[in-house]
Amino acid sequence: MQFINIENPLSTKPTESISILLSDINGFAIAEKNTGIQYVSTFGAMISGTLTAAPTVIGSNSRISVSLFPSHKITTAGVLKFTFPNEFSFPASTCNLSFRENVQAGASCTISGQIVRIENPFLTDYIPSSSTTSTIRFVMSDITLPPTTAPTGIFSFESVLVNLGIDYVIDKSSYTNLITATAGQITSATVTPSSTLGNDLTTYTFSFVNTNNIVQDGKIQVILPQEIIFPSPSTTANSCTAISGISTSMICTATSSTLTVNSGFSAGVLPGGSTVSFNITQVRNPVSLEQSSSFTIKTLSATDFDIDKIDTGLTVTMTSINNISLVEITPESLVNGATTNLTFKVVASSPLQNGDFLYVTFPTRVLAPPIPVTCTGITALSGITCAKLSLSPELIQVTLNFGSVTEVQANELLEFKMNG
């Protein structure tokens, strides 16, 4: 036989035994069973659950905004229970509650291990409806965020019925990565080149103060601005030298634009507020006097997740540039007063890119070509253009173009003709 429309218990607490009695047609007992037939429900799932942290910086003592929507009724004997991943920590055994919605003012927060319990959340039974007004919201304070930006583990949300000190689950759902902390700020950072000659190969010294602990086996990463490169990454990596705050046994790896310091913290944690400095050699300076874009410096976990970083304001500016190593100008005619074409041969001591300029200033006794000025590439140049920028003195701007390539290396011959 089957009974329909039976309402299950409100939690996973086992019921008292169901009694079964058989009787004859006159109501006299034939047989019975009134022990050992228990009814145990399975728990439901939350309709939704979210957590939002403010602030989000790693290691912060943060406020966690909670939003959850249970599926089933919770009596006044119910408790809301949250299990946090191990990356979170709690400085006290209680937390403060504020900004309550569908939670009574007398509710309290207790903490044991990674479990946060909201006791006495309801003055009357909570009965969910299809309306969003059934969403439970509140803010928990005094929760410490993880020490890195690594994805966090599993969060568990539960509504439970407490009976004789035992939790019986009503609804339960698990969520991953509800909160991901953001990196802290590196302070007092400096980048100092030994030479400020454009395109020079030189030594760079890096120094900074970490805000948050660098965890054991943590790393440091330096990302170069686009104007600076490591022409020989392996040579640069092998040149890493510790100055302070880092093990002298550190090992570096490098690409043309990134340096990673490994094994600098294998002995243990470096506390926040420490000064870290080291230097590297064989770094190619910017080619011009224009201020570089910013270096990026990061401290990382052993698994390469950010701890602290800085990516603005770390610039360098060159104070001198290289001389042009060769200039030859050959006129087609040397006759006095003649109009002639000039062939220029130039060798620069720095690499050049498409769109760079070459400027020719004529002495007062030589008249520059009339407008429009026509120029033709001969060696390494193709499709160049020339323009007269001023008449006194007469100044011609040559816009460089290298044809099928976008740049040429230092000490490469450039040859072009300027028509008179």
Protein backbone atom coordinates (compact mmCIF):
# COMPACT_ATOMS: atom_id res chain seq x y z
CA MET A 1 0.00 0.00 0.00
CA GLN A 2 1.08 3.64 -0.39
CA PHE A 3 0.31 6.79 1.56
CA ILE A 4 0.51 10.07 -0.34
CA ASN A 5 1.14 13.69 0.68
CA ILE A 6 3.15 12.79 3.78
CA GLU A 7 5.19 15.73 5.09
CA ASN A 8 8.79 14.79 5.91
CA PRO A 9 10.52 15.90 9.12
CA LEU A 10 12.16 19.35 9.09
CA SER A 11 15.71 18.05 9.54
CA THR A 12 17.87 14.95 9.32
CA LYS A 13 17.19 14.12 12.96
CA PRO A 14 15.87 10.50 13.08
CA THR A 15 12.22 10.29 14.15
CA GLU A 16 10.82 8.15 16.90
CA SER A 17 9.83 4.71 15.67
CA ILE A 18 6.76 4.36 13.45
CA SER A 19 4.26 1.92 14.97
CA ILE A 20 2.59 -0.77 12.86
CA LEU A 21 -0.46 -2.63 14.21
CA LEU A 22 -2.48 -5.42 12.58
CA SER A 23 -5.97 -6.08 13.90
CA ASP A 24 -8.94 -8.25 12.98
CA ILE A 25 -12.17 -6.90 11.61
CA ASN A 26 -13.41 -6.25 15.12
CA GLY A 27 -10.35 -4.22 16.11
CA PHE A 28 -8.60 -6.84 18.18
CA ALA A 29 -4.80 -6.85 17.84
CA ILE A 30 -3.21 -9.58 15.83
CA ALA A 31 0.45 -8.33 15.63
CA GLU A 32 2.39 -5.15 16.13
CA LYS A 33 5.80 -3.52 15.61
CA ASN A 34 6.56 -0.26 17.42
CA THR A 35 10.37 -0.11 17.61
CA GLY A 36 13.20 0.15 15.10
CA ILE A 37 11.18 1.70 12.26
CA GLN A 38 12.75 5.17 12.09
CA TYR A 39 12.23 7.80 9.44
CA VAL A 40 15.37 9.74 8.46
CA SER A 41 15.13 12.58 5.94
CA THR A 42 17.95 13.76 3.69
CA PHE A 43 18.90 17.42 3.80
CA GLY A 44 17.93 19.91 1.12
CA ALA A 45 20.06 22.48 -0.71
CA MET A 46 20.33 26.23 -0.40
CA ILE A 47 18.62 28.08 -3.21
CA SER A 48 21.56 30.49 -3.26
CA GLY A 49 24.55 31.58 -1.18
CA THR A 50 27.16 34.30 -1.60
CA LEU A 51 29.96 35.93 0.39
CA THR A 52 31.54 39.32 -0.34
CA ALA A 53 34.59 40.71 1.47
CA ALA A 54 35.52 44.32 2.17
CA PRO A 55 38.35 45.12 2.09
CA THR A 56 39.66 42.38 -0.20
CA VAL A 57 43.42 42.82 0.35
CA ILE A 58 45.23 39.68 1.53
CA GLY A 59 45.64 39.36 5.28
CA SER A 60 43.04 42.07 5.95
CA ASN A 61 40.76 41.98 8.96
CA SER A 62 37.69 41.99 6.76
CA ARG A 63 33.93 42.32 6.90
CA ILE A 64 32.14 39.46 5.16
CA SER A 65 28.69 40.18 3.73
CA VAL A 66 26.57 37.02 3.74
CA SER A 67 23.55 36.32 1.57
CA LEU A 68 21.76 32.98 1.67
CA PHE A 69 18.36 31.67 0.67
CA PRO A 70 17.43 28.37 2.37
CA SER A 71 14.93 26.02 0.77
CA HIS A 72 13.18 24.83 3.92
CA LYS A 73 11.66 26.02 7.15
CA ILE A 74 14.00 26.74 10.06
CA THR A 75 12.50 26.81 13.54
CA THR A 76 13.60 29.09 16.35
CA ALA A 77 15.85 26.24 17.51
CA GLY A 78 17.76 26.51 14.24
CA VAL A 79 21.32 27.68 13.69
CA LEU A 80 23.10 29.00 10.60
CA LYS A 81 26.48 27.36 10.14
CA PHE A 82 29.35 28.36 7.81
CA THR A 83 32.54 26.38 7.27
CA PHE A 84 35.41 28.44 5.84
CA PRO A 85 38.45 27.05 3.94
CA ASN A 86 41.70 26.71 5.88
CA GLU A 87 43.17 29.80 4.17
CA PHE A 88 40.95 32.03 6.37
CA SER A 89 41.76 32.71 10.02
CA PHE A 90 39.88 34.16 12.96
CA PRO A 91 41.54 36.35 15.60
CA ALA A 92 38.81 35.68 18.19
CA SER A 93 36.19 33.08 19.15
CA THR A 94 33.35 35.47 18.31
CA CYS A 95 32.52 37.87 15.51
CA ASN A 96 30.38 40.97 15.31
CA LEU A 97 27.10 40.94 13.36
CA SER A 98 25.59 43.96 11.64
CA PHE A 99 23.23 45.02 8.82
CA ARG A 100 20.82 42.17 9.54
CA GLU A 101 17.96 41.26 7.22
CA ASN A 102 15.68 38.39 8.28
CA VAL A 103 18.02 37.87 11.25
CA GLN A 104 17.02 39.10 14.70
CA ALA A 105 19.04 41.66 16.67
CA GLY A 106 19.72 39.15 19.44
CA ALA A 107 21.56 36.71 17.17
CA SER A 108 25.16 35.95 18.12
CA CYS A 109 28.25 34.69 16.32
CA THR A 110 30.61 32.04 17.71
CA ILE A 111 33.70 30.56 16.05
CA SER A 112 35.41 27.21 16.54
CA GLY A 113 38.19 26.24 14.17
CA GLN A 114 36.93 27.07 10.66
CA ILE A 115 33.26 26.94 11.63
CA VAL A 116 31.21 30.10 12.22
CA ARG A 117 27.83 29.61 13.90
CA ILE A 118 25.04 32.18 13.97
CA GLU A 119 23.08 31.25 17.10
CA ASN A 120 19.44 32.28 17.77
CA PRO A 121 19.00 33.86 14.33
CA PHE A 122 15.17 33.89 14.40
CA LEU A 123 12.54 35.14 16.85
CA THR A 124 9.89 33.20 14.93
CA ASP A 125 10.16 30.30 12.53
CA TYR A 126 11.80 31.20 9.24
CA ILE A 127 9.54 30.12 6.39
CA PRO A 128 10.98 30.66 2.89
CA SER A 129 8.82 31.88 0.04
CA SER A 130 9.44 32.40 -3.65
CA SER A 131 10.03 36.11 -2.97
CA THR A 132 13.53 37.54 -2.65
CA THR A 133 12.38 39.05 0.65
CA SER A 134 13.13 35.60 2.09
CA THR A 135 16.86 36.09 1.51
CA ILE A 136 18.85 36.17 4.75
CA ARG A 137 21.52 38.86 4.86
CA PHE A 138 24.00 40.06 7.46
CA VAL A 139 27.63 41.15 7.84
CA MET A 140 30.25 39.27 9.90
CA SER A 141 33.28 41.29 11.05
CA ASP A 142 36.75 40.30 12.29
CA ILE A 143 37.61 37.61 9.74
CA THR A 144 41.17 37.52 8.38
CA LEU A 145 41.54 36.96 4.64
CA PRO A 146 44.04 34.44 3.13
CA PRO A 147 47.77 35.30 2.93
CA THR A 148 47.92 35.09 -0.89
CA THR A 149 45.66 35.63 -3.90
CA ALA A 150 45.44 31.89 -4.58
CA PRO A 151 41.91 30.55 -5.19
CA THR A 152 40.35 29.45 -1.93
CA GLY A 153 38.84 26.07 -1.19
CA ILE A 154 35.30 25.01 -0.41
CA PHE A 155 32.83 27.08 1.63
CA SER A 156 29.90 25.22 3.25
CA PHE A 157 26.56 26.86 4.13
CA GLU A 158 24.18 24.96 6.43
CA SER A 159 20.96 25.50 8.27
CA VAL A 160 20.70 23.05 11.18
CA LEU A 161 18.32 22.07 13.94
CA VAL A 162 20.08 21.70 17.29
CA ASN A 163 18.78 19.04 19.64
CA LEU A 164 20.63 17.97 22.78
CA GLY A 165 23.81 19.52 21.45
CA ILE A 166 23.68 17.67 18.10
CA ASP A 167 23.35 19.46 14.74
CA TYR A 168 20.80 17.97 12.38
CA VAL A 169 21.07 19.40 8.87
CA ILE A 170 18.09 21.07 7.20
CA ASP A 171 19.73 22.57 4.09
CA LYS A 172 23.36 22.39 3.03
CA SER A 173 25.31 23.59 -0.02
CA SER A 174 29.00 23.95 -0.84
CA TYR A 175 30.59 26.70 -2.95
CA THR A 176 34.12 27.23 -4.24
CA ASN A 177 36.14 30.43 -4.54
CA LEU A 178 33.44 32.73 -3.19
CA ILE A 179 36.16 35.12 -2.03
CA THR A 180 39.53 35.69 -3.72
CA ALA A 181 41.81 38.15 -1.96
CA THR A 182 43.65 40.88 -3.88
CA ALA A 183 47.36 41.64 -3.66
CA GLY A 184 48.82 43.99 -1.07
CA GLN A 185 50.98 47.00 -1.89
CA ILE A 186 54.76 46.98 -2.01
CA THR A 187 56.15 50.21 -0.52
CA SER A 188 59.41 52.17 -0.61
CA ALA A 189 60.33 50.59 -3.93
CA THR A 190 63.30 51.86 -5.94
CA VAL A 191 65.00 50.80 -9.17
CA THR A 192 68.51 52.18 -9.62
CA PRO A 193 70.69 51.67 -12.71
CA SER A 194 74.46 52.01 -12.31
CA SER A 195 74.64 53.81 -15.65
CA THR A 196 72.14 56.20 -17.19
CA LEU A 197 73.65 56.11 -20.67
CA GLY A 198 71.09 55.17 -23.29
CA ASN A 199 71.35 51.58 -24.59
CA ASP A 200 74.14 50.79 -22.14
CA LEU A 201 74.50 47.33 -20.59
CA THR A 202 74.51 47.99 -16.86
CA THR A 203 73.67 46.77 -13.34
CA TYR A 204 70.27 47.42 -11.76
CA THR A 205 69.59 47.43 -8.01
CA PHE A 206 66.07 46.72 -6.77
CA SER A 207 64.88 47.55 -3.26
CA PHE A 208 61.43 47.45 -1.63
CA VAL A 209 59.52 46.89 1.60
CA ASN A 210 56.93 44.11 1.67
CA THR A 211 53.60 44.82 3.38
CA ASN A 212 52.57 41.20 3.92
CA ASN A 213 54.63 38.18 4.90
CA ILE A 214 56.49 36.48 2.08
CA VAL A 215 55.56 32.86 2.72
CA GLN A 216 58.14 30.09 2.98
CA ASP A 217 59.41 29.17 -0.50
CA GLY A 218 57.88 32.39 -1.81
CA LYS A 219 59.32 34.22 -4.80
CA ILE A 220 59.98 37.68 -6.22
CA GLN A 221 59.16 38.61 -9.79
CA VAL A 222 60.36 41.66 -11.72
CA ILE A 223 58.64 42.55 -15.01
CA LEU A 224 60.58 45.01 -17.16
CA PRO A 225 59.06 48.00 -18.91
CA GLN A 226 58.96 47.60 -22.68
CA GLU A 227 61.92 49.96 -23.17
CA ILE A 228 64.33 47.70 -21.23
CA ILE A 229 65.43 44.11 -21.96
CA PHE A 230 67.72 41.34 -20.82
CA PRO A 231 69.68 40.64 -24.03
CA SER A 232 71.16 37.49 -22.47
CA PRO A 233 68.56 36.18 -19.95
CA SER A 234 70.74 33.34 -18.71
CA THR A 235 73.66 35.69 -18.02
CA THR A 236 71.39 38.08 -16.15
CA ALA A 237 69.84 35.24 -14.14
CA ASN A 238 73.27 33.97 -13.09
CA SER A 239 74.26 37.45 -11.91
CA CYS A 240 71.57 37.74 -9.18
CA THR A 241 73.16 38.95 -5.95
CA ALA A 242 71.35 39.30 -2.61
CA ILE A 243 71.88 42.50 -0.61
CA SER A 244 69.33 42.32 2.22
CA GLY A 245 66.22 40.44 3.31
CA ILE A 246 66.82 37.48 1.03
CA SER A 247 68.96 34.35 1.13
CA THR A 248 72.35 34.51 -0.56
CA SER A 249 71.56 31.08 -1.99
CA MET A 250 68.75 32.49 -4.09
CA ILE A 251 68.43 31.22 -7.66
CA CYS A 252 67.11 33.39 -10.49
CA THR A 253 65.51 32.56 -13.80
CA ALA A 254 64.87 35.04 -16.60
CA THR A 255 63.31 35.67 -19.97
CA SER A 256 64.02 38.73 -22.09
CA SER A 257 61.48 40.73 -20.04
CA THR A 258 60.96 38.95 -16.69
CA LEU A 259 63.16 37.96 -13.77
CA THR A 260 62.01 35.51 -11.07
CA VAL A 261 63.90 35.09 -7.79
CA ASN A 262 63.52 31.55 -6.44
CA SER A 263 64.85 29.86 -3.29
CA GLY A 264 65.25 33.20 -1.54
CA PHE A 265 62.88 32.27 1.30
CA SER A 266 63.32 28.51 1.63
CA ALA A 267 64.39 28.91 5.27
CA GLY A 268 61.07 30.40 6.38
CA VAL A 269 58.65 33.32 6.28
CA LEU A 270 59.91 36.89 5.76
CA PRO A 271 57.74 39.17 7.95
CA GLY A 272 55.91 42.11 6.48
CA GLY A 273 57.76 45.41 6.82
CA SER A 274 61.13 43.93 5.84
CA THR A 275 63.48 45.55 3.34
CA VAL A 276 64.43 43.34 0.41
CA SER A 277 67.17 44.34 -2.03
CA PHE A 278 69.24 42.63 -4.70
CA ASN A 279 70.96 43.47 -7.96
CA ILE A 280 71.42 42.01 -11.43
CA THR A 281 73.76 42.75 -14.31
CA GLN A 282 73.53 42.76 -18.10
CA VAL A 283 70.42 44.92 -18.28
CA ARG A 284 69.99 46.95 -21.48
CA ASN A 285 69.01 50.57 -20.80
CA PRO A 286 66.36 52.44 -22.81
CA VAL A 287 67.75 53.89 -26.03
CA SER A 288 66.38 57.42 -25.60
CA LEU A 289 66.05 60.15 -22.98
CA GLU A 290 62.30 59.54 -22.66
CA GLN A 291 61.16 58.37 -19.21
CA SER A 292 60.51 54.64 -19.24
CA SER A 293 57.19 53.08 -18.37
CA SER A 294 56.97 51.41 -14.96
CA PHE A 295 58.66 48.27 -13.73
CA THR A 296 56.41 45.76 -11.93
CA ILE A 297 57.65 44.04 -8.78
CA LYS A 298 55.67 41.23 -7.16
CA THR A 299 56.09 38.92 -4.21
CA LEU A 300 54.59 35.52 -4.94
CA SER A 301 53.59 32.34 -3.15
CA ALA A 302 55.44 29.11 -3.87
CA THR A 303 52.70 28.37 -6.42
CA ASP A 304 53.05 31.77 -8.16
CA PHE A 305 50.05 33.62 -6.72
CA ASP A 306 50.47 37.32 -5.90
CA ILE A 307 51.12 38.48 -2.35
CA ASP A 308 52.22 42.13 -2.72
CA LYS A 309 52.97 44.13 -5.85
CA ILE A 310 53.72 47.54 -7.29
CA ASP A 311 53.26 48.41 -10.96
CA THR A 312 53.26 52.20 -11.12
CA GLY A 313 55.86 54.91 -10.58
CA LEU A 314 58.94 52.67 -10.91
CA THR A 315 60.57 54.40 -13.87
CA VAL A 316 64.07 55.24 -15.02
CA THR A 317 65.25 58.12 -17.20
CA MET A 318 68.50 58.20 -19.11
CA THR A 319 70.65 61.32 -18.78
CA SER A 320 72.91 60.86 -21.81
CA ILE A 321 72.80 59.18 -25.21
CA ASN A 322 75.31 57.59 -27.55
CA ASN A 323 77.02 59.45 -30.37
CA ILE A 324 76.22 58.42 -33.92
CA SER A 325 79.22 56.29 -34.80
CA LEU A 326 79.35 57.12 -38.53
CA VAL A 327 77.98 59.89 -40.74
CA GLU A 328 79.01 60.30 -44.39
CA ILE A 329 77.36 62.81 -46.72
CA THR A 330 78.25 62.58 -50.40
CA PRO A 331 76.98 65.18 -52.91
CA GLU A 332 76.59 64.11 -56.54
CA SER A 333 78.09 67.48 -57.57
CA LEU A 334 80.63 69.70 -55.83
CA VAL A 335 80.30 72.61 -58.28
CA ASN A 336 79.76 75.96 -56.56
CA GLY A 337 76.07 76.95 -56.46
CA ALA A 338 74.93 73.76 -58.17
CA THR A 339 71.70 72.01 -57.12
CA THR A 340 72.60 68.45 -56.24
CA ASN A 341 71.42 65.26 -54.60
CA LEU A 342 72.96 64.12 -51.31
CA THR A 343 73.62 60.52 -50.24
CA PHE A 344 73.68 59.95 -46.48
CA LYS A 345 75.30 57.00 -44.73
CA VAL A 346 74.54 56.75 -41.02
CA VAL A 347 75.49 54.14 -38.40
CA ALA A 348 73.72 54.55 -35.03
CA SER A 349 75.06 53.10 -31.80
CA SER A 350 71.55 52.15 -30.68
CA PRO A 351 68.78 50.04 -32.20
CA LEU A 352 66.10 51.87 -34.17
CA GLN A 353 62.44 51.15 -34.90
CA ASN A 354 60.05 51.99 -37.71
CA GLY A 355 58.75 55.50 -37.14
CA ASP A 356 61.91 56.81 -35.46
CA PHE A 357 63.24 60.10 -36.85
CA LEU A 358 66.55 61.31 -38.26
CA TYR A 359 67.01 65.09 -38.31
CA VAL A 360 69.32 66.95 -40.71
CA THR A 361 70.13 70.60 -39.94
CA PHE A 362 71.79 72.41 -42.86
CA PRO A 363 74.39 75.13 -42.31
CA THR A 364 73.43 78.63 -43.45
CA ARG A 365 75.60 78.50 -46.61
CA VAL A 366 73.85 75.34 -47.86
CA LEU A 367 70.26 75.56 -49.04
CA ALA A 368 68.06 72.59 -48.20
CA PRO A 369 65.90 71.05 -50.90
CA PRO A 370 62.67 72.90 -51.69
CA ILE A 371 59.29 71.63 -50.50
CA PRO A 372 58.24 68.86 -51.08
CA VAL A 373 61.46 67.15 -50.05
CA THR A 374 62.01 63.78 -51.74
CA CYS A 375 64.05 61.02 -50.12
CA THR A 376 64.80 57.47 -51.30
CA GLY A 377 66.07 54.55 -49.21
CA ILE A 378 69.16 52.72 -50.46
CA THR A 379 70.47 50.40 -47.71
CA ALA A 380 68.19 49.01 -44.95
CA LEU A 381 65.61 51.72 -45.65
CA SER A 382 62.46 51.59 -47.79
CA GLY A 383 59.52 53.92 -48.17
CA ILE A 384 61.05 56.71 -46.07
CA THR A 385 59.55 60.20 -46.05
CA CYS A 386 61.17 63.60 -45.58
CA ALA A 387 59.65 66.89 -44.47
CA LYS A 388 61.03 70.39 -43.96
CA LEU A 389 60.27 71.49 -40.39
CA SER A 390 61.84 74.95 -40.37
CA LEU A 391 63.61 77.48 -42.59
CA SER A 392 65.93 79.10 -40.08
CA PRO A 393 67.82 76.99 -39.59
CA GLU A 394 66.75 74.71 -42.40
CA LEU A 395 65.75 71.44 -40.73
CA ILE A 396 64.70 68.24 -42.50
CA GLN A 397 62.96 65.38 -40.67
CA VAL A 398 63.44 61.89 -42.10
CA THR A 399 60.87 59.30 -40.94
CA LEU A 400 62.60 55.93 -40.91
CA ASN A 401 61.06 52.79 -42.36
CA PHE A 402 62.85 49.48 -42.62
CA GLY A 403 60.59 47.75 -45.11
CA SER A 404 59.99 44.09 -44.26
CA VAL A 405 61.33 44.41 -40.69
CA THR A 406 60.16 46.68 -37.89
CA GLU A 407 63.56 47.50 -36.40
CA VAL A 408 67.30 47.37 -36.96
CA GLN A 409 69.99 46.63 -34.42
CA ALA A 410 72.74 48.96 -33.29
CA ASN A 411 75.64 49.60 -35.66
CA GLU A 412 73.69 48.74 -38.82
CA LEU A 413 74.35 50.89 -41.89
CA LEU A 414 71.49 53.11 -43.03
CA GLU A 415 71.79 54.74 -46.45
CA PHE A 416 69.41 57.06 -48.26
CA LYS A 417 69.37 59.80 -50.93
CA MET A 418 67.90 63.28 -50.50
CA ASN A 419 67.05 64.91 -53.84
CA GLY A 420 68.02 68.53 -54.31
